[in-house]
Amino acid sequence: MARIRVLVVDDHRIFAESLAAALAAEPDVDVAAAGSGPAALRALERATAEARPYDVILVDAELGALAHGGALAAGGVPALPVPRPEEPGAVDGISLVAGVRAARPGVRSVVLAEKDDPRCAARALQAGASGWVAKDCSLQRLLTVIRGVLRDETHLPPALLTGVLRELTTARKHRTESEQLVESLTPREREVLRCMVAGLGRKAVAERLFLSPHTVRTHMQNVLGKLGVHSTLAAVALARRAGVGPAEPVTVRLAGDVVERGSQLA
């Protein structure tokens, strides 16, 4: 019998332990639980290193930094170090889904939600989730979704479908408008925008593009004006909607050593 490896990621300890125990009672399911994003990432890394990768990750829609957490084996036995609430690198649910999708495309993500939220569900699908399930659904319903996403199915509650489609259509419209604005930029202005997306300050952009800080300031002002925004943060948000990625770090070789430049705020 092919076994399904499941990781439950939820910062409510009782819920995580209870769900893990319920799933572990299934004859074809191996399950563990993590109480935070960092703990989940460690569990995924360890499973991959042991050549026992997870098939499905169940992620709390409201995952965040908590006073309680960590990875637990089924039954509540600690499996990995428990992160402190102030631990750096806290990961929210949607970001975790996106990160897992990018780093481990073979792992299917299902979001567990307290309430149906079309906007949040649409964001989850855009991030790479294969399903959205209410926390008060039956265990059999959850198992159906788990097995379904492994067949490349997408599962959404029927009551959410119309709202999610509306949100996705709106997001696509905004993306199209943002793309048109970005296309109005000159090639040099697009280079400057990519540097802004990478988080580079004016001095760093000037060094990277071999321009004077005054010229970079002019380009940045032109970018803001053409995009119709009033701040760098707004410009970066619009650029990301349009699919503009950050400028790649500059690699400089010095006496055989490789040094990355242009990846920090100046």
Protein backbone atom coordinates (compact mmCIF):
# COMPACT_ATOMS: atom_id res chain seq x y z
CA MET A 1 0.00 0.00 0.00
CA ALA A 2 1.43 3.38 -1.04
CA ARG A 3 1.66 5.59 2.03
CA ILE A 4 0.88 9.32 2.08
CA ARG A 5 3.24 11.55 4.05
CA VAL A 6 1.40 14.54 5.56
CA LEU A 7 2.71 17.52 7.55
CA VAL A 8 0.19 19.55 9.58
CA VAL A 9 1.28 23.17 10.15
CA ASP A 10 -0.85 24.99 12.71
CA ASP A 11 0.07 27.20 15.65
CA HIS A 12 -2.78 25.92 17.83
CA ARG A 13 -1.09 23.01 19.58
CA ILE A 14 -4.21 21.06 20.56
CA PHE A 15 -5.65 21.30 17.05
CA ALA A 16 -2.34 20.27 15.45
CA GLU A 17 -1.89 17.27 17.76
CA SER A 18 -5.52 16.16 17.44
CA LEU A 19 -5.56 16.38 13.66
CA ALA A 20 -2.21 14.59 13.40
CA ALA A 21 -3.47 11.79 15.65
CA ALA A 22 -6.71 11.44 13.66
CA LEU A 23 -4.86 11.27 10.34
CA ALA A 24 -2.31 8.81 11.77
CA ALA A 25 -5.16 6.36 12.45
CA GLU A 26 -5.57 5.93 8.68
CA PRO A 27 -3.71 2.83 7.44
CA ASP A 28 -2.08 4.63 4.51
CA VAL A 29 -1.11 7.92 6.18
CA ASP A 30 2.11 8.92 7.96
CA VAL A 31 1.79 12.30 9.66
CA ALA A 32 3.70 14.84 11.75
CA ALA A 33 2.85 18.36 12.85
CA ALA A 34 4.68 21.67 13.08
CA GLY A 35 3.65 24.68 15.15
CA SER A 36 5.25 27.43 13.08
CA GLY A 37 6.53 28.27 9.60
CA PRO A 38 10.22 27.87 10.55
CA ALA A 39 9.50 24.52 12.22
CA ALA A 40 7.66 23.38 9.09
CA LEU A 41 10.58 24.36 6.87
CA ARG A 42 12.97 22.42 9.09
CA ALA A 43 10.70 19.39 9.02
CA LEU A 44 10.52 19.54 5.22
CA GLU A 45 14.30 19.84 4.95
CA ARG A 46 14.88 16.93 7.31
CA ALA A 47 12.37 14.72 5.49
CA THR A 48 14.04 15.46 2.17
CA ALA A 49 17.50 14.74 3.61
CA GLU A 50 16.20 11.39 4.88
CA ALA A 51 14.72 10.62 1.42
CA ARG A 52 11.24 10.52 2.98
CA PRO A 53 9.70 13.74 1.58
CA TYR A 54 6.21 14.85 2.50
CA ASP A 55 3.47 14.53 -0.12
CA VAL A 56 0.99 17.02 1.34
CA ILE A 57 1.33 19.95 3.72
CA LEU A 58 -1.78 21.20 5.57
CA VAL A 59 -1.28 24.88 6.43
CA ASP A 60 -3.24 27.08 8.83
CA ALA A 61 -4.55 30.09 6.91
CA GLU A 62 -3.76 32.32 9.92
CA LEU A 63 -0.35 30.84 10.69
CA GLY A 64 1.91 33.26 12.54
CA ALA A 65 4.52 33.62 15.27
CA LEU A 66 3.20 32.18 18.54
CA ALA A 67 4.16 31.60 22.10
CA HIS A 68 3.61 27.86 21.53
CA GLY A 69 4.78 25.84 18.57
CA GLY A 70 7.38 23.53 17.18
CA ALA A 71 7.26 20.26 15.34
CA LEU A 72 5.51 17.31 16.94
CA ALA A 73 5.32 13.69 15.96
CA ALA A 74 1.88 12.13 15.86
CA GLY A 75 0.67 11.81 19.44
CA GLY A 76 2.40 14.98 20.63
CA VAL A 77 5.99 13.73 21.00
CA PRO A 78 8.45 16.56 20.16
CA ALA A 79 10.19 15.85 16.86
CA LEU A 80 12.07 19.09 16.21
CA PRO A 81 13.24 22.09 18.29
CA VAL A 82 10.44 24.43 19.38
CA PRO A 83 10.98 27.95 17.98
CA ARG A 84 10.53 30.88 20.34
CA PRO A 85 7.85 33.45 19.44
CA GLU A 86 10.54 36.05 18.79
CA GLU A 87 12.43 33.70 16.46
CA PRO A 88 13.47 35.59 13.32
CA GLY A 89 12.13 34.52 9.98
CA ALA A 90 8.53 33.93 11.04
CA VAL A 91 6.48 32.74 8.09
CA ASP A 92 2.76 33.31 7.54
CA GLY A 93 0.56 30.66 5.95
CA ILE A 94 0.38 32.07 2.42
CA SER A 95 4.12 32.79 2.33
CA LEU A 96 4.80 29.23 3.47
CA VAL A 97 2.62 27.86 0.66
CA ALA A 98 4.45 30.01 -1.89
CA GLY A 99 7.86 29.00 -0.55
CA VAL A 100 7.03 25.31 -0.59
CA ARG A 101 5.64 25.58 -4.10
CA ALA A 102 8.83 27.25 -5.34
CA ALA A 103 11.32 25.02 -3.51
CA ARG A 104 9.44 21.70 -3.55
CA PRO A 105 6.91 21.66 -6.42
CA GLY A 106 6.15 18.00 -5.77
CA VAL A 107 4.60 18.83 -2.38
CA ARG A 108 0.89 19.69 -2.50
CA SER A 109 -0.40 22.38 -0.13
CA VAL A 110 -3.89 22.53 1.37
CA VAL A 111 -4.96 25.55 3.46
CA LEU A 112 -7.01 24.98 6.62
CA ALA A 113 -9.26 27.93 7.46
CA GLU A 114 -11.46 28.97 10.38
CA LYS A 115 -13.82 30.77 7.98
CA ASP A 116 -14.40 31.04 4.24
CA ASP A 117 -12.64 34.11 2.87
CA PRO A 118 -12.70 34.45 -0.96
CA ARG A 119 -9.85 36.98 -1.00
CA CYS A 120 -7.58 34.87 1.19
CA ALA A 121 -8.52 31.71 -0.72
CA ALA A 122 -7.66 33.40 -4.02
CA ARG A 123 -4.29 34.49 -2.60
CA ALA A 124 -3.66 30.92 -1.47
CA LEU A 125 -4.39 29.54 -4.94
CA GLN A 126 -2.15 32.19 -6.52
CA ALA A 127 0.60 31.17 -4.10
CA GLY A 128 0.31 27.56 -5.24
CA ALA A 129 -2.20 25.92 -2.90
CA SER A 130 -4.18 23.00 -4.30
CA GLY A 131 -7.03 23.18 -1.84
CA TRP A 132 -8.91 25.22 0.77
CA VAL A 133 -10.71 23.36 3.56
CA ALA A 134 -12.74 24.56 6.53
CA LYS A 135 -11.35 23.43 9.88
CA ASP A 136 -14.77 22.21 10.93
CA CYS A 137 -15.11 19.82 7.99
CA SER A 138 -15.25 16.08 8.59
CA LEU A 139 -12.11 13.95 8.62
CA GLN A 140 -13.40 12.03 5.62
CA ARG A 141 -13.80 15.28 3.69
CA LEU A 142 -10.22 16.25 4.52
CA LEU A 143 -8.94 12.84 3.45
CA THR A 144 -10.83 13.18 0.18
CA VAL A 145 -9.11 16.52 -0.44
CA ILE A 146 -5.67 15.12 0.49
CA ARG A 147 -6.04 12.22 -1.92
CA GLY A 148 -7.55 14.49 -4.56
CA VAL A 149 -4.73 17.02 -4.61
CA LEU A 150 -2.29 14.15 -5.08
CA ARG A 151 -4.16 13.49 -8.33
CA ASP A 152 -3.54 17.14 -9.28
CA GLU A 153 -7.10 18.16 -8.44
CA THR A 154 -7.95 21.59 -7.00
CA HIS A 155 -10.45 21.57 -4.15
CA LEU A 156 -12.56 24.56 -3.08
CA PRO A 157 -15.87 24.66 -1.16
CA PRO A 158 -18.69 25.32 -3.69
CA ALA A 159 -19.81 28.37 -1.68
CA LEU A 160 -16.39 29.97 -2.25
CA LEU A 161 -16.09 29.33 -5.96
CA THR A 162 -17.87 32.44 -7.25
CA GLY A 163 -16.03 34.76 -4.85
CA VAL A 164 -12.64 33.23 -5.63
CA LEU A 165 -13.18 33.51 -9.37
CA ARG A 166 -14.17 37.16 -8.91
CA GLU A 167 -11.01 37.83 -6.88
CA LEU A 168 -8.79 36.09 -9.43
CA THR A 169 -10.40 38.04 -12.28
CA THR A 170 -9.89 41.33 -10.43
CA ALA A 171 -6.27 40.42 -9.67
CA ARG A 172 -5.70 39.65 -13.35
CA LYS A 173 -7.22 43.00 -14.34
CA HIS A 174 -4.93 44.83 -11.92
CA ARG A 175 -1.95 42.87 -13.24
CA THR A 176 -2.81 43.84 -16.82
CA GLU A 177 -3.10 47.52 -15.88
CA SER A 178 0.20 47.32 -14.00
CA GLU A 179 1.88 45.64 -16.98
CA GLN A 180 0.73 48.44 -19.26
CA LEU A 181 2.17 51.06 -16.90
CA VAL A 182 5.50 49.24 -16.69
CA GLU A 183 5.63 49.00 -20.49
CA SER A 184 5.50 52.81 -20.62
CA LEU A 185 8.93 52.97 -18.97
CA THR A 186 12.13 53.31 -20.96
CA PRO A 187 14.62 50.40 -20.79
CA ARG A 188 16.80 52.37 -18.36
CA GLU A 189 13.80 53.20 -16.16
CA ARG A 190 12.90 49.50 -16.07
CA GLU A 191 16.43 48.72 -14.92
CA VAL A 192 16.03 51.28 -12.15
CA LEU A 193 12.64 49.79 -11.20
CA ARG A 194 14.14 46.30 -10.94
CA CYS A 195 16.80 47.71 -8.65
CA MET A 196 14.05 49.29 -6.54
CA VAL A 197 12.29 45.91 -6.36
CA ALA A 198 15.59 44.41 -5.15
CA GLY A 199 15.59 46.94 -2.30
CA LEU A 200 18.54 48.98 -3.51
CA GLY A 201 18.93 52.57 -2.38
CA ARG A 202 19.87 55.45 -4.67
CA LYS A 203 23.62 55.14 -4.04
CA ALA A 204 23.62 51.38 -4.70
CA VAL A 205 21.61 51.84 -7.91
CA ALA A 206 24.07 54.50 -9.08
CA GLU A 207 27.04 52.19 -8.46
CA ARG A 208 25.34 49.26 -10.12
CA LEU A 209 24.28 51.14 -13.27
CA PHE A 210 27.38 53.40 -13.41
CA LEU A 211 25.27 56.53 -13.10
CA SER A 212 25.47 59.59 -10.89
CA PRO A 213 23.16 59.70 -7.86
CA HIS A 214 21.52 62.80 -9.38
CA THR A 215 20.72 60.87 -12.59
CA VAL A 216 19.34 57.96 -10.58
CA ARG A 217 17.17 60.37 -8.59
CA THR A 218 15.76 61.73 -11.86
CA HIS A 219 15.07 58.21 -13.15
CA MET A 220 13.33 57.26 -9.92
CA GLN A 221 11.15 60.35 -10.06
CA ASN A 222 10.25 59.52 -13.67
CA VAL A 223 9.39 55.95 -12.69
CA LEU A 224 7.07 57.12 -9.90
CA GLY A 225 5.43 59.65 -12.22
CA LYS A 226 4.82 57.20 -15.06
CA LEU A 227 3.50 54.53 -12.69
CA GLY A 228 1.21 57.08 -11.05
CA VAL A 229 2.43 56.42 -7.51
CA HIS A 230 4.00 58.62 -4.83
CA SER A 231 6.43 56.29 -3.04
CA THR A 232 9.02 53.62 -3.68
CA LEU A 233 6.95 51.08 -1.75
CA ALA A 234 3.94 51.71 -3.99
CA ALA A 235 6.14 51.42 -7.10
CA VAL A 236 7.55 48.11 -5.89
CA ALA A 237 4.06 46.75 -5.14
CA LEU A 238 2.86 47.73 -8.62
CA ALA A 239 5.98 46.22 -10.20
CA ARG A 240 5.42 42.93 -8.43
CA ARG A 241 1.80 42.84 -9.62
CA ALA A 242 3.16 43.28 -13.14
CA GLY A 243 5.54 40.40 -12.66
CA VAL A 244 8.71 42.53 -12.50
CA GLY A 245 11.42 40.67 -10.61
CA PRO A 246 14.35 42.11 -8.68
CA ALA A 247 17.66 42.91 -10.34
CA GLU A 248 20.12 40.05 -10.01
CA PRO A 249 23.01 40.53 -7.56
CA VAL A 250 26.26 41.64 -9.18
CA THR A 251 29.01 39.04 -8.81
CA VAL A 252 32.53 40.39 -8.56
CA ARG A 253 35.63 38.17 -8.58
CA LEU A 254 38.56 39.30 -6.46
CA ALA A 255 41.72 37.18 -6.30
CA GLY A 256 39.75 34.00 -6.82
CA ASP A 257 37.02 34.87 -4.35
CA VAL A 258 33.43 35.52 -5.36
CA VAL A 259 31.69 38.47 -3.73
CA GLU A 260 28.04 39.36 -4.26
CA ARG A 261 27.23 43.06 -4.47
CA GLY A 262 24.06 45.04 -4.90
CA SER A 263 21.86 42.91 -2.67
CA GLN A 264 21.63 45.20 0.35
CA LEU A 265 19.95 48.50 1.09
CA ALA A 266 22.38 51.40 0.69
